[in-house]
N, C-alpha and C. Protein backbone atom coordinates (compact mmCIF):
# COMPACT_ATOMS: atom_id res chain seq x y z
N MET A 1 -5.39 -5.39 -15.34
CA MET A 1 -6.11 -6.20 -14.36
C MET A 1 -6.00 -5.53 -12.99
N ALA A 2 -7.12 -5.35 -12.34
CA ALA A 2 -7.15 -4.71 -11.03
C ALA A 2 -6.58 -5.64 -9.96
N VAL A 3 -5.82 -5.06 -9.04
CA VAL A 3 -5.25 -5.80 -7.93
C VAL A 3 -6.15 -5.61 -6.72
N VAL A 4 -6.52 -6.71 -6.06
CA VAL A 4 -7.35 -6.66 -4.85
C VAL A 4 -6.62 -7.43 -3.76
N LYS A 5 -6.49 -6.81 -2.59
CA LYS A 5 -5.92 -7.47 -1.42
C LYS A 5 -7.02 -7.55 -0.38
N TYR A 6 -6.98 -8.59 0.43
CA TYR A 6 -8.02 -8.82 1.44
C TYR A 6 -7.41 -8.79 2.84
N TRP A 7 -8.14 -8.20 3.77
CA TRP A 7 -7.69 -8.06 5.14
C TRP A 7 -8.87 -8.33 6.06
N VAL A 8 -8.58 -8.63 7.32
CA VAL A 8 -9.63 -8.81 8.32
C VAL A 8 -9.58 -7.61 9.27
N GLN A 9 -10.74 -7.09 9.59
CA GLN A 9 -10.88 -5.93 10.46
C GLN A 9 -10.07 -6.14 11.74
N GLY A 10 -9.21 -5.18 12.06
CA GLY A 10 -8.41 -5.23 13.27
C GLY A 10 -7.06 -5.90 13.13
N ASP A 11 -6.80 -6.61 12.02
CA ASP A 11 -5.48 -7.24 11.82
C ASP A 11 -4.41 -6.17 11.67
N THR A 12 -3.29 -6.35 12.34
CA THR A 12 -2.23 -5.34 12.29
C THR A 12 -0.92 -5.87 11.72
N VAL A 13 -0.93 -7.06 11.12
CA VAL A 13 0.26 -7.55 10.43
C VAL A 13 0.54 -6.59 9.27
N PRO A 14 1.79 -6.16 9.07
CA PRO A 14 2.07 -5.20 7.99
C PRO A 14 1.61 -5.73 6.62
N ILE A 15 1.19 -4.81 5.78
CA ILE A 15 0.84 -5.15 4.40
C ILE A 15 2.10 -4.93 3.57
N THR A 16 2.49 -5.93 2.80
CA THR A 16 3.74 -5.86 2.05
C THR A 16 3.48 -5.67 0.56
N PHE A 17 4.46 -5.09 -0.10
CA PHE A 17 4.38 -4.80 -1.52
C PHE A 17 5.66 -5.23 -2.21
N ALA A 18 5.53 -5.86 -3.35
CA ALA A 18 6.65 -6.17 -4.22
C ALA A 18 6.52 -5.23 -5.42
N ILE A 19 7.31 -4.18 -5.45
CA ILE A 19 7.19 -3.17 -6.49
C ILE A 19 7.83 -3.68 -7.77
N LYS A 20 7.03 -3.68 -8.84
CA LYS A 20 7.47 -4.24 -10.12
C LYS A 20 7.19 -3.26 -11.25
N ASP A 21 7.94 -3.40 -12.34
CA ASP A 21 7.68 -2.57 -13.51
C ASP A 21 6.63 -3.24 -14.40
N GLU A 22 6.37 -2.65 -15.55
CA GLU A 22 5.34 -3.16 -16.45
C GLU A 22 5.60 -4.59 -16.92
N ASP A 23 6.88 -4.99 -16.93
CA ASP A 23 7.25 -6.33 -17.38
C ASP A 23 7.31 -7.35 -16.25
N GLY A 24 7.00 -6.92 -15.01
CA GLY A 24 7.01 -7.82 -13.87
C GLY A 24 8.36 -7.94 -13.18
N ALA A 25 9.34 -7.15 -13.61
CA ALA A 25 10.66 -7.18 -12.97
C ALA A 25 10.66 -6.27 -11.74
N ALA A 26 11.41 -6.67 -10.70
CA ALA A 26 11.50 -5.88 -9.47
C ALA A 26 12.10 -4.51 -9.76
N VAL A 27 11.53 -3.49 -9.13
CA VAL A 27 12.06 -2.13 -9.22
C VAL A 27 12.96 -1.90 -8.01
N SER A 28 14.20 -1.51 -8.25
CA SER A 28 15.11 -1.22 -7.15
C SER A 28 14.62 0.00 -6.39
N LEU A 29 14.53 -0.13 -5.07
CA LEU A 29 14.09 0.98 -4.23
C LEU A 29 15.25 1.64 -3.51
N VAL A 30 16.47 1.37 -3.97
CA VAL A 30 17.65 1.99 -3.37
C VAL A 30 17.52 3.50 -3.51
N GLY A 31 17.59 4.22 -2.40
CA GLY A 31 17.48 5.67 -2.40
C GLY A 31 16.05 6.21 -2.33
N TYR A 32 15.06 5.32 -2.31
CA TYR A 32 13.66 5.75 -2.26
C TYR A 32 13.11 5.74 -0.84
N SER A 33 12.17 6.63 -0.58
CA SER A 33 11.35 6.57 0.62
C SER A 33 9.91 6.51 0.12
N GLY A 34 8.98 6.18 1.00
CA GLY A 34 7.62 6.01 0.51
C GLY A 34 6.56 6.42 1.49
N LYS A 35 5.35 6.58 0.94
CA LYS A 35 4.15 6.91 1.72
C LYS A 35 3.02 6.01 1.26
N PHE A 36 2.06 5.78 2.17
CA PHE A 36 0.90 4.95 1.89
C PHE A 36 -0.36 5.80 2.03
N PHE A 37 -1.27 5.66 1.05
CA PHE A 37 -2.54 6.38 1.05
C PHE A 37 -3.68 5.37 0.95
N MET A 38 -4.75 5.59 1.69
CA MET A 38 -5.91 4.69 1.66
C MET A 38 -7.18 5.50 1.88
N ARG A 39 -8.14 5.34 0.97
CA ARG A 39 -9.41 6.05 1.06
C ARG A 39 -10.56 5.07 0.84
N ARG A 40 -11.54 5.11 1.73
CA ARG A 40 -12.73 4.26 1.56
C ARG A 40 -13.42 4.67 0.26
N GLN A 41 -13.83 3.70 -0.53
CA GLN A 41 -14.48 4.00 -1.79
C GLN A 41 -15.73 4.82 -1.55
N GLY A 42 -15.86 5.93 -2.27
CA GLY A 42 -16.99 6.84 -2.12
C GLY A 42 -16.75 7.96 -1.11
N ALA A 43 -15.67 7.88 -0.33
CA ALA A 43 -15.39 8.91 0.67
C ALA A 43 -14.60 10.05 0.04
N ALA A 44 -14.64 11.21 0.68
CA ALA A 44 -13.91 12.37 0.18
C ALA A 44 -12.51 12.49 0.78
N ALA A 45 -12.34 11.95 2.00
CA ALA A 45 -11.05 12.10 2.70
C ALA A 45 -10.35 10.76 2.85
N ASN A 46 -9.03 10.82 2.89
CA ASN A 46 -8.23 9.62 3.10
C ASN A 46 -8.32 9.14 4.54
N LYS A 47 -8.38 7.84 4.74
CA LYS A 47 -8.31 7.24 6.07
C LYS A 47 -6.85 7.16 6.51
N VAL A 48 -5.96 6.82 5.58
CA VAL A 48 -4.52 6.86 5.79
C VAL A 48 -3.99 7.85 4.77
N ASN A 49 -3.31 8.89 5.24
CA ASN A 49 -2.94 9.97 4.33
C ASN A 49 -1.44 10.24 4.35
N GLY A 50 -0.71 9.48 3.57
CA GLY A 50 0.70 9.74 3.40
C GLY A 50 1.58 9.31 4.54
N THR A 51 1.16 8.26 5.25
CA THR A 51 1.96 7.75 6.35
C THR A 51 3.15 6.97 5.78
N ALA A 52 4.30 7.10 6.41
CA ALA A 52 5.53 6.50 5.91
C ALA A 52 5.45 4.98 5.81
N ILE A 53 6.05 4.45 4.73
CA ILE A 53 6.22 3.01 4.60
C ILE A 53 7.68 2.68 4.89
N THR A 54 7.97 1.40 5.07
CA THR A 54 9.32 0.93 5.33
C THR A 54 9.80 0.12 4.14
N VAL A 55 10.96 0.49 3.59
CA VAL A 55 11.57 -0.32 2.54
C VAL A 55 12.28 -1.46 3.24
N THR A 56 11.88 -2.70 2.95
CA THR A 56 12.43 -3.86 3.64
C THR A 56 13.52 -4.57 2.86
N SER A 57 13.52 -4.45 1.55
CA SER A 57 14.58 -5.00 0.69
C SER A 57 14.68 -4.11 -0.54
N ALA A 58 15.51 -3.09 -0.45
CA ALA A 58 15.59 -2.08 -1.51
C ALA A 58 15.98 -2.68 -2.84
N ALA A 59 16.97 -3.55 -2.87
CA ALA A 59 17.44 -4.11 -4.13
C ALA A 59 16.39 -4.98 -4.81
N SER A 60 15.53 -5.62 -4.01
CA SER A 60 14.50 -6.52 -4.56
C SER A 60 13.14 -5.86 -4.72
N GLY A 61 13.01 -4.58 -4.33
CA GLY A 61 11.76 -3.86 -4.53
C GLY A 61 10.68 -4.14 -3.51
N TYR A 62 11.05 -4.56 -2.30
CA TYR A 62 10.04 -4.87 -1.28
C TYR A 62 9.93 -3.74 -0.26
N CYS A 63 8.67 -3.44 0.10
CA CYS A 63 8.40 -2.47 1.15
C CYS A 63 7.12 -2.89 1.86
N GLU A 64 6.84 -2.24 2.99
CA GLU A 64 5.64 -2.59 3.76
C GLU A 64 5.10 -1.36 4.46
N TYR A 65 3.81 -1.43 4.74
CA TYR A 65 3.16 -0.42 5.57
C TYR A 65 2.75 -1.09 6.86
N ARG A 66 3.14 -0.50 7.98
CA ARG A 66 2.80 -1.03 9.30
C ARG A 66 1.58 -0.28 9.82
N TRP A 67 0.47 -1.03 9.91
CA TRP A 67 -0.79 -0.44 10.35
C TRP A 67 -0.66 0.19 11.72
N ILE A 68 -1.39 1.28 11.93
CA ILE A 68 -1.48 1.89 13.25
C ILE A 68 -2.95 1.85 13.68
N ALA A 69 -3.19 2.11 14.95
CA ALA A 69 -4.55 2.05 15.50
C ALA A 69 -5.50 2.86 14.64
N GLY A 70 -6.61 2.27 14.29
CA GLY A 70 -7.64 2.94 13.52
C GLY A 70 -7.57 2.74 12.02
N ASP A 71 -6.44 2.26 11.50
CA ASP A 71 -6.30 2.09 10.06
C ASP A 71 -7.25 1.03 9.49
N VAL A 72 -7.38 -0.08 10.18
CA VAL A 72 -8.19 -1.21 9.68
C VAL A 72 -9.33 -1.56 10.63
N ASP A 73 -9.91 -0.53 11.25
CA ASP A 73 -10.99 -0.77 12.22
C ASP A 73 -12.38 -0.78 11.60
N THR A 74 -12.48 -0.44 10.31
CA THR A 74 -13.78 -0.33 9.66
C THR A 74 -13.82 -1.21 8.42
N ALA A 75 -14.78 -2.14 8.39
CA ALA A 75 -14.94 -3.00 7.22
C ALA A 75 -15.38 -2.17 6.02
N GLY A 76 -14.94 -2.57 4.84
CA GLY A 76 -15.31 -1.88 3.61
C GLY A 76 -14.27 -2.06 2.54
N SER A 77 -14.47 -1.40 1.41
CA SER A 77 -13.53 -1.44 0.30
C SER A 77 -12.81 -0.10 0.21
N TYR A 78 -11.51 -0.16 0.03
CA TYR A 78 -10.66 1.03 0.05
C TYR A 78 -9.77 1.07 -1.18
N ASP A 79 -9.61 2.27 -1.74
CA ASP A 79 -8.63 2.49 -2.80
C ASP A 79 -7.31 2.84 -2.11
N CYS A 80 -6.22 2.22 -2.58
CA CYS A 80 -4.92 2.40 -1.94
C CYS A 80 -3.85 2.70 -2.96
N GLU A 81 -2.80 3.37 -2.49
CA GLU A 81 -1.67 3.68 -3.36
C GLU A 81 -0.41 3.82 -2.52
N VAL A 82 0.69 3.32 -3.07
CA VAL A 82 2.01 3.52 -2.49
C VAL A 82 2.70 4.57 -3.36
N GLU A 83 3.24 5.61 -2.72
CA GLU A 83 3.96 6.65 -3.45
C GLU A 83 5.42 6.59 -3.03
N LEU A 84 6.31 6.39 -3.98
CA LEU A 84 7.74 6.30 -3.71
C LEU A 84 8.44 7.51 -4.30
N THR A 85 9.40 8.08 -3.56
CA THR A 85 10.15 9.22 -4.06
C THR A 85 11.63 9.04 -3.77
N ASP A 86 12.45 9.56 -4.69
CA ASP A 86 13.88 9.69 -4.41
C ASP A 86 14.22 11.17 -4.62
N ALA A 87 15.49 11.50 -4.68
CA ALA A 87 15.88 12.91 -4.77
C ALA A 87 15.39 13.59 -6.04
N SER A 88 15.13 12.82 -7.10
CA SER A 88 14.80 13.46 -8.37
C SER A 88 13.45 13.08 -8.98
N SER A 89 12.76 12.12 -8.37
CA SER A 89 11.51 11.68 -9.02
C SER A 89 10.50 11.15 -8.02
N LYS A 90 9.27 11.03 -8.50
CA LYS A 90 8.18 10.46 -7.72
C LYS A 90 7.58 9.33 -8.53
N LEU A 91 7.29 8.22 -7.87
CA LEU A 91 6.75 7.04 -8.53
C LEU A 91 5.54 6.57 -7.74
N ALA A 92 4.32 6.78 -8.25
CA ALA A 92 3.11 6.28 -7.59
C ALA A 92 2.87 4.89 -8.16
N THR A 93 2.94 3.89 -7.32
CA THR A 93 3.00 2.53 -7.85
C THR A 93 2.47 1.49 -6.89
N THR A 94 2.11 0.37 -7.42
CA THR A 94 1.84 -0.84 -6.64
C THR A 94 2.19 -2.01 -7.54
N GLU A 95 1.50 -3.12 -7.37
CA GLU A 95 1.80 -4.34 -8.11
C GLU A 95 0.68 -4.66 -9.08
N PRO A 96 0.69 -4.50 -10.30
CA PRO A 96 1.65 -3.74 -11.10
C PRO A 96 1.46 -2.25 -10.88
N ILE A 97 2.04 -1.42 -11.70
CA ILE A 97 2.06 0.02 -11.44
C ILE A 97 0.66 0.61 -11.63
N GLN A 98 -0.12 0.61 -10.56
CA GLN A 98 -1.47 1.17 -10.53
C GLN A 98 -1.98 1.13 -9.10
N PRO A 99 -2.99 1.94 -8.77
CA PRO A 99 -3.60 1.82 -7.45
C PRO A 99 -4.24 0.43 -7.29
N PHE A 100 -4.54 0.06 -6.05
CA PHE A 100 -5.18 -1.24 -5.81
C PHE A 100 -6.31 -1.06 -4.81
N THR A 101 -7.13 -2.11 -4.71
CA THR A 101 -8.25 -2.11 -3.78
C THR A 101 -7.92 -3.01 -2.60
N LEU A 102 -8.21 -2.52 -1.40
CA LEU A 102 -8.09 -3.32 -0.18
C LEU A 102 -9.50 -3.55 0.35
N VAL A 103 -9.87 -4.79 0.54
CA VAL A 103 -11.17 -5.13 1.10
C VAL A 103 -10.95 -5.58 2.54
N ILE A 104 -11.53 -4.87 3.47
CA ILE A 104 -11.44 -5.22 4.89
C ILE A 104 -12.79 -5.81 5.29
N ARG A 105 -12.75 -7.05 5.77
CA ARG A 105 -14.00 -7.70 6.17
C ARG A 105 -14.02 -7.90 7.68
N LYS A 106 -15.22 -8.04 8.22
CA LYS A 106 -15.36 -8.33 9.64
C LYS A 106 -14.86 -9.74 9.90
N GLY A 107 -14.19 -9.93 11.02
CA GLY A 107 -13.72 -11.26 11.40
C GLY A 107 -14.85 -12.16 11.81
N LEU A 108 -14.60 -13.46 11.78
CA LEU A 108 -15.61 -14.42 12.16
C LEU A 108 -15.56 -14.77 13.65
N GLY A 109 -14.46 -14.43 14.30
CA GLY A 109 -14.30 -14.80 15.70
C GLY A 109 -14.54 -13.69 16.66
């Protein structure tokens, strides 16, 4: 099942992730660092290309990406991925372990 998250253009509240395994159990992020990737669907280049994420609760598998200027300034649908690495492995993952879609819509106000 595809995961879709919704955002409003210009919102800068961090986007959070609960990293889980195939069975829905939290993945420990102790010792991991991460990057966030985001590409508008149909585009050739990433809008966000490997910018660092923050692990907020390593034992419980929570992390977040803190938007910077320009990340969410354009309405549209984006393919996104969180990439986590430790000293010996790389884990490209989201909730569940797959890329997800972020839909950014224009605000009403």
